[in-house]
Structures are given as structure tokens and as C-alpha cells.
Protein backbone atom coordinates (compact mmCIF):
# COMPACT_ATOMS: atom_id res chain seq x y z
CA MET A 1 88.05 120.79 101.75
CA PRO A 2 85.99 118.43 104.32
CA GLY A 3 84.42 115.05 103.63
CA TRP A 4 86.76 111.31 103.36
CA ILE A 5 89.06 109.54 101.01
CA VAL A 6 88.64 106.59 100.18
CA PHE A 7 92.24 104.83 99.44
CA LYS A 8 91.39 101.33 97.28
CA PRO A 9 95.42 100.06 97.36
CA ILE A 10 95.36 97.64 93.16
CA GLU A 11 98.38 96.22 93.33
CA ALA A 12 102.33 96.64 94.91
CA LYS A 13 105.77 96.13 92.66
CA PHE A 14 108.52 95.66 94.15
CA THR A 15 112.45 96.13 93.10
CA ASP A 16 113.57 94.04 95.30
CA ASN A 17 112.64 90.72 96.61
CA ALA A 18 110.08 90.19 93.64
CA GLU A 19 111.86 86.18 94.82
CA ASN A 20 110.22 86.45 98.87
CA ILE A 21 107.75 87.90 97.21
CA ASP A 22 105.57 85.03 98.42
CA LYS A 23 106.94 85.23 102.15
CA VAL A 24 104.96 88.68 103.44
CA ASP A 25 102.18 90.09 103.65
CA PRO A 26 102.08 93.16 102.88
CA VAL A 27 99.52 95.75 104.37
CA CYS A 28 98.80 99.68 103.30
CA LYS A 29 98.28 101.67 105.55
CA PHE A 30 96.88 105.58 104.91
CA LYS A 31 97.61 108.96 106.71
CA ILE A 32 95.53 112.30 106.50
CA GLY A 33 96.61 114.27 109.84
CA HIS A 34 96.07 112.67 112.27
CA HIS A 35 93.55 110.11 110.79
CA SER A 36 94.36 107.20 109.95
CA GLY A 37 93.44 103.75 108.70
CA SER A 38 94.93 100.17 107.13
CA SER A 39 94.20 97.95 104.69
CA VAL A 40 94.15 93.79 105.35
CA ALA A 41 97.14 91.48 103.59
CA ALA A 42 97.35 91.78 100.41
CA ARG A 43 98.01 88.18 98.60
CA PRO A 44 100.89 87.23 96.08
CA ILE A 45 100.20 87.09 92.23
CA GLU A 46 102.43 86.66 89.77
CA GLY A 47 105.33 88.05 91.58
CA ASN A 48 103.30 90.62 92.86
CA VAL A 49 101.20 91.59 95.02
CA LYS A 50 96.71 92.34 94.93
CA TRP A 51 95.02 93.98 97.26
CA SER A 52 91.12 93.75 97.73
CA ASP A 53 90.22 95.34 100.21
CA TYR A 54 89.41 99.79 100.50
CA VAL A 55 90.95 102.42 103.54
CA LYS A 56 88.08 105.52 103.81
CA VAL A 57 89.88 108.32 106.14
CA PRO A 58 88.26 111.75 107.70
CA ARG A 59 90.21 114.67 105.58
CA ASN A 60 89.56 117.45 108.59
CA HIS A 61 91.06 119.80 106.87
CA ASP A 62 92.74 121.85 103.78
CA GLU A 63 95.36 118.57 104.14
CA THR A 64 97.30 118.92 100.85
CA ILE A 65 98.89 115.92 100.87
CA ALA A 66 98.70 112.33 102.52
CA SER A 67 101.48 109.45 103.71
CA PHE A 68 101.08 105.78 102.91
CA LYS A 69 103.24 102.82 104.30
CA VAL A 70 103.85 99.34 102.88
CA LYS A 71 104.74 97.42 106.16
CA ASP A 72 105.21 94.07 106.66
CA LYS A 73 102.88 92.72 109.16
CA GLY A 74 103.73 89.62 109.62
CA MET A 75 107.42 90.90 111.51
CA LEU A 76 106.82 89.42 114.49
CA GLY A 77 103.57 92.30 114.53
CA MET A 78 106.82 94.42 114.07
CA GLY A 79 105.67 95.92 110.41
CA LYS A 80 108.76 95.94 108.38
CA VAL A 81 108.39 98.87 106.93
CA LEU A 82 109.11 97.67 102.85
CA GLY A 83 108.17 101.34 101.44
CA GLU A 84 106.95 104.17 101.80
CA GLY A 85 105.07 107.69 99.93
CA LYS A 86 103.48 110.16 99.23
CA ILE A 87 99.69 110.82 97.31
CA ASP A 88 99.47 114.70 96.15
CA LEU A 89 95.19 115.21 97.79
CA GLU A 90 95.05 119.14 96.20
CA LEU A 91 94.97 117.40 92.67
CA VAL A 92 92.96 113.91 94.01
CA MET A 93 90.35 117.23 95.33
CA ALA A 94 90.75 118.59 92.03
CA ASN A 95 89.06 115.51 89.22
CA LYS A 96 87.20 113.55 92.62
CA ARG A 97 89.33 110.49 91.65
CA VAL A 98 92.64 110.04 89.96
CA THR A 99 93.91 106.13 90.14
CA GLN A 100 97.28 106.15 89.36
CA TRP A 101 101.15 104.11 90.40
CA TYR A 102 102.80 105.64 93.88
CA ASP A 103 106.14 105.54 94.06
CA LEU A 104 107.67 103.72 97.02
CA TYR A 105 110.62 104.81 98.47
CA ASP A 106 113.22 102.96 101.17
CA LYS A 107 115.28 105.15 102.76
CA ASP A 108 115.20 108.06 100.11
CA GLU A 109 115.62 104.97 97.85
CA ILE A 110 113.39 104.12 95.05
CA ALA A 111 111.82 99.89 96.68
CA GLY A 112 108.81 99.89 93.89
CA GLN A 113 105.12 101.24 92.88
CA VAL A 114 101.69 101.05 94.09
CA LEU A 115 98.97 101.16 92.31
CA VAL A 116 96.04 103.12 93.75
CA ASP A 117 92.03 104.39 92.89
CA VAL A 118 92.29 107.03 95.18
CA GLU A 119 88.88 109.34 95.12
CA TYR A 120 87.51 112.10 97.25
CA CYS A 121 84.29 112.06 99.18
CA PRO A 122 82.07 115.05 100.74
CA PRO A 123 80.14 115.07 103.43
CA ILE A 124 76.31 114.85 103.30
């Protein structure tokens, strides 16, 4: 079903590097098929990071999975990946909106979690 998926990353918790969280500029990049969008950098708060924006990505076909990456945009522009994960779009489509913690993986090991509010917006 075409339309838009609006991703609002809220906060992230990392299993490692909690003491270094003030030194990273994490952004969330969401991808559905060939379409993607990135958030602004999060700000560190109490050992976690918190975002204050959203990412709107078109859903043109029947994609059932969205992928996301949390990257440190401050790494000399290289964007070191802090973790990545998947979001079940079938669950979002069935409920119109889902807010939950998604696991972040780095090389098949859990690197943390990201709380994301995901909403389906049908075409007008």
C-alpha cells in the first residue's frame, strides 16, 4: 500500500561506550526499498542519546521491512556505524502507528536499542 512512513527516533541506549556517548554525533538513517532519509544528530542526555526530529520516507510498493542504521556522523564525515536493525512494516500497517524499542546489531551482536515511533500516513 503506497503512502509515507514517518520514523521518529526518540532515544538510544548502547551496550558499550556509555562513557564515550558525549563524544558521538549519532544520526538515524531509515531505508525502505530504494528510498531513505536521515535524522539530525541526537544529543547526549544522562548516558543515552535523544533525538528531536523525524524522518519521512515514501513507501511505493509492498515493502514489508524497513532497515535503519545509527551512525556517528562526526567520524571525519565517514559515518562509523554504531548499529543497525530492522522494523516490521506489516505491524505498522496493521496498527497505523507503533512505538517500540528496536535492537541495534553490530556484526551479529546486540549493540543497544533504539526507541522509535513509526507511523503510516496514507496518500491524500
